Amino acid sequence: IFTTIPKKNSKSFREAVKGIFKFTDINLAREAKNRLIHDYIDQPKYSKACASLDDGFEDAFQYTVQGNSHNRLKSTNLIERLNQEVRRREKIIRIFPNQTSANRLIGAVLMDLHD
């Protein structure tokens, strides 16, 4: 989100986005997100950031829906192994023509490991 906005004169927007991620209740976070988007969507320099926030909000707040039984992972070994496998396959190709081809390769690797 922050990579799509200018660094100058964006402190209030940055503070508002950080404030959204301090909520532990997803409904309160949604209300804050909607207020932020309503306040900043008409400004062209924040339109991409607002769209990115709106698109990825549910994924970013998935941890609030899971509950306390899954509050932390005991080990990240499985995740690290998965990342290593993706990196190993990605190093062979080196340069991807576009974002969708990279997503396609990573998706294929993940589907292969899932089976």
C-alpha atoms as a PDB file:
ATOM      1  CA  ILE A   1       0.000   0.000   0.000  1.00  0.00           C
ATOM      2  CA  PHE A   2       2.723   2.434   0.988  1.00  0.00           C
ATOM      3  CA  THR A   3       4.751   1.865  -2.169  1.00  0.00           C
ATOM      4  CA  THR A   4       1.991   3.395  -4.296  1.00  0.00           C
ATOM      5  CA  ILE A   5       1.812   6.742  -2.493  1.00  0.00           C
ATOM      6  CA  PRO A   6       4.292   9.618  -2.462  1.00  0.00           C
ATOM      7  CA  LYS A   7       6.523   9.897   0.599  1.00  0.00           C
ATOM      8  CA  LYS A   8       5.953  13.605   0.994  1.00  0.00           C
ATOM      9  CA  ASN A   9       2.761  14.915   2.578  1.00  0.00           C
ATOM     10  CA  SER A  10       1.265  11.477   3.193  1.00  0.00           C
ATOM     11  CA  LYS A  11       1.785  11.149   6.926  1.00  0.00           C
ATOM     12  CA  SER A  12      -1.926  11.323   7.775  1.00  0.00           C
ATOM     13  CA  PHE A  13      -2.757   8.587   5.258  1.00  0.00           C
ATOM     14  CA  ARG A  14       0.035   6.369   6.572  1.00  0.00           C
ATOM     15  CA  GLU A  15      -1.122   6.866  10.163  1.00  0.00           C
ATOM     16  CA  ALA A  16      -4.704   6.016   9.205  1.00  0.00           C
ATOM     17  CA  VAL A  17      -3.656   2.777   7.481  1.00  0.00           C
ATOM     18  CA  LYS A  18      -1.493   1.777  10.443  1.00  0.00           C
ATOM     19  CA  GLY A  19      -4.458   2.494  12.719  1.00  0.00           C
ATOM     20  CA  ILE A  20      -6.630   0.072  10.763  1.00  0.00           C
ATOM     21  CA  PHE A  21      -4.179  -2.758  11.397  1.00  0.00           C
ATOM     22  CA  LYS A  22      -4.281  -2.166  15.160  1.00  0.00           C
ATOM     23  CA  PHE A  23      -7.881  -3.389  15.355  1.00  0.00           C
ATOM     24  CA  THR A  24      -8.493  -6.949  16.509  1.00  0.00           C
ATOM     25  CA  ASP A  25     -12.166  -6.972  15.494  1.00  0.00           C
ATOM     26  CA  ILE A  26     -12.674  -7.315  11.750  1.00  0.00           C
ATOM     27  CA  ASN A  27     -15.941  -5.348  11.736  1.00  0.00           C
ATOM     28  CA  LEU A  28     -14.330  -2.316  13.367  1.00  0.00           C
ATOM     29  CA  ALA A  29     -11.412  -2.592  10.959  1.00  0.00           C
ATOM     30  CA  ARG A  30     -13.833  -2.709   7.996  1.00  0.00           C
ATOM     31  CA  GLU A  31     -15.545   0.459   9.213  1.00  0.00           C
ATOM     32  CA  ALA A  32     -12.196   2.222   9.590  1.00  0.00           C
ATOM     33  CA  LYS A  33     -11.125   1.013   6.130  1.00  0.00           C
ATOM     34  CA  ASN A  34     -14.353   2.273   4.570  1.00  0.00           C
ATOM     35  CA  ARG A  35     -13.940   5.670   6.271  1.00  0.00           C
ATOM     36  CA  LEU A  36     -10.345   5.900   5.046  1.00  0.00           C
ATOM     37  CA  ILE A  37     -11.301   5.009   1.488  1.00  0.00           C
ATOM     38  CA  HIS A  38     -14.207   7.468   1.577  1.00  0.00           C
ATOM     39  CA  ASP A  39     -11.890  10.245   2.777  1.00  0.00           C
ATOM     40  CA  TYR A  40      -9.020   9.644   0.338  1.00  0.00           C
ATOM     41  CA  ILE A  41     -10.469   8.031  -2.808  1.00  0.00           C
ATOM     42  CA  ASP A  42     -11.121  11.369  -4.521  1.00  0.00           C
ATOM     43  CA  GLN A  43      -7.426  12.322  -4.322  1.00  0.00           C
ATOM     44  CA  PRO A  44      -5.575  10.880  -7.335  1.00  0.00           C
ATOM     45  CA  LYS A  45      -2.329  10.208  -5.481  1.00  0.00           C
ATOM     46  CA  TYR A  46      -4.135   7.866  -3.068  1.00  0.00           C
ATOM     47  CA  SER A  47      -6.437   6.067  -5.528  1.00  0.00           C
ATOM     48  CA  LYS A  48      -4.063   3.124  -6.149  1.00  0.00           C
ATOM     49  CA  ALA A  49      -3.387   2.713  -2.435  1.00  0.00           C
ATOM     50  CA  CYS A  50      -7.111   2.750  -1.659  1.00  0.00           C
ATOM     51  CA  ALA A  51      -7.762   0.133  -4.341  1.00  0.00           C
ATOM     52  CA  SER A  52      -4.929  -2.030  -3.005  1.00  0.00           C
ATOM     53  CA  LEU A  53      -6.245  -1.724   0.542  1.00  0.00           C
ATOM     54  CA  ASP A  54      -9.753  -2.609  -0.578  1.00  0.00           C
ATOM     55  CA  ASP A  55      -8.582  -5.616  -2.626  1.00  0.00           C
ATOM     56  CA  GLY A  56      -6.323  -7.153  -0.005  1.00  0.00           C
ATOM     57  CA  PHE A  57      -8.223  -6.268   3.147  1.00  0.00           C
ATOM     58  CA  GLU A  58      -9.942  -9.620   3.709  1.00  0.00           C
ATOM     59  CA  ASP A  59      -6.696 -11.529   3.201  1.00  0.00           C
ATOM     60  CA  ALA A  60      -4.795  -9.233   5.535  1.00  0.00           C
ATOM     61  CA  PHE A  61      -7.368  -9.602   8.313  1.00  0.00           C
ATOM     62  CA  GLN A  62      -7.826 -13.353   8.047  1.00  0.00           C
ATOM     63  CA  TYR A  63      -6.028 -13.792  11.369  1.00  0.00           C
ATOM     64  CA  THR A  64      -8.916 -12.110  13.226  1.00  0.00           C
ATOM     65  CA  VAL A  65     -11.403 -14.687  11.922  1.00  0.00           C
ATOM     66  CA  GLN A  66      -9.334 -17.749  12.876  1.00  0.00           C
ATOM     67  CA  GLY A  67      -9.697 -17.343  16.621  1.00  0.00           C
ATOM     68  CA  ASN A  68      -7.239 -17.867  19.432  1.00  0.00           C
ATOM     69  CA  SER A  69      -6.638 -21.568  18.885  1.00  0.00           C
ATOM     70  CA  HIS A  70      -4.351 -20.726  15.940  1.00  0.00           C
ATOM     71  CA  ASN A  71      -2.706 -17.656  17.376  1.00  0.00           C
ATOM     72  CA  ARG A  72       0.829 -18.658  16.395  1.00  0.00           C
ATOM     73  CA  LEU A  73       2.734 -21.286  14.506  1.00  0.00           C
ATOM     74  CA  LYS A  74       4.923 -23.621  16.516  1.00  0.00           C
ATOM     75  CA  SER A  75       7.431 -23.980  13.707  1.00  0.00           C
ATOM     76  CA  THR A  76       7.990 -22.263  10.398  1.00  0.00           C
ATOM     77  CA  ASN A  77       9.946 -25.154   8.919  1.00  0.00           C
ATOM     78  CA  LEU A  78       7.142 -26.170   6.559  1.00  0.00           C
ATOM     79  CA  ILE A  79       6.707 -22.623   5.328  1.00  0.00           C
ATOM     80  CA  GLU A  80      10.443 -22.172   4.862  1.00  0.00           C
ATOM     81  CA  ARG A  81      10.688 -25.430   2.912  1.00  0.00           C
ATOM     82  CA  LEU A  82       7.826 -24.288   0.700  1.00  0.00           C
ATOM     83  CA  ASN A  83       9.548 -20.952   0.070  1.00  0.00           C
ATOM     84  CA  GLN A  84      12.807 -22.719  -0.779  1.00  0.00           C
ATOM     85  CA  GLU A  85      11.058 -24.938  -3.311  1.00  0.00           C
ATOM     86  CA  VAL A  86       9.440 -21.915  -4.973  1.00  0.00           C
ATOM     87  CA  ARG A  87      12.788 -20.088  -5.061  1.00  0.00           C
ATOM     88  CA  ARG A  88      14.533 -23.143  -6.513  1.00  0.00           C
ATOM     89  CA  ARG A  89      12.044 -23.326  -9.378  1.00  0.00           C
ATOM     90  CA  GLU A  90      12.085 -19.559  -9.874  1.00  0.00           C
ATOM     91  CA  LYS A  91      15.892 -19.396 -10.207  1.00  0.00           C
ATOM     92  CA  ILE A  92      15.755 -21.593 -13.292  1.00  0.00           C
ATOM     93  CA  ILE A  93      13.651 -19.069 -15.209  1.00  0.00           C
ATOM     94  CA  ARG A  94      15.294 -15.914 -13.755  1.00  0.00           C
ATOM     95  CA  ILE A  95      13.297 -13.304 -15.689  1.00  0.00           C
ATOM     96  CA  PHE A  96       9.534 -13.492 -16.012  1.00  0.00           C
ATOM     97  CA  PRO A  97       7.796 -11.685 -18.880  1.00  0.00           C
ATOM     98  CA  ASN A  98       4.993 -10.464 -16.615  1.00  0.00           C
ATOM     99  CA  GLN A  99       3.355 -10.862 -13.202  1.00  0.00           C
ATOM    100  CA  THR A 100       0.838 -13.476 -14.343  1.00  0.00           C
ATOM    101  CA  SER A 101       3.536 -15.849 -15.581  1.00  0.00           C
ATOM    102  CA  ALA A 102       5.274 -15.671 -12.198  1.00  0.00           C
ATOM    103  CA  ASN A 103       1.963 -16.297 -10.443  1.00  0.00           C
ATOM    104  CA  ARG A 104       1.277 -19.209 -12.771  1.00  0.00           C
ATOM    105  CA  LEU A 105       4.632 -20.853 -11.986  1.00  0.00           C
ATOM    106  CA  ILE A 106       4.260 -20.357  -8.240  1.00  0.00           C
ATOM    107  CA  GLY A 107       0.700 -21.681  -8.383  1.00  0.00           C
ATOM    108  CA  ALA A 108       1.864 -24.758 -10.281  1.00  0.00           C
ATOM    109  CA  VAL A 109       4.623 -25.410  -7.733  1.00  0.00           C
ATOM    110  CA  LEU A 110       2.182 -25.062  -4.854  1.00  0.00           C
ATOM    111  CA  MET A 111      -0.372 -27.328  -6.519  1.00  0.00           C
ATOM    112  CA  ASP A 112       2.339 -29.917  -7.187  1.00  0.00           C
ATOM    113  CA  LEU A 113       3.448 -29.857  -3.554  1.00  0.00           C
ATOM    114  CA  HIS A 114      -0.155 -30.040  -2.372  1.00  0.00           C
ATOM    115  CA  ASP A 115      -0.707 -33.303  -4.259  1.00  0.00           C
END
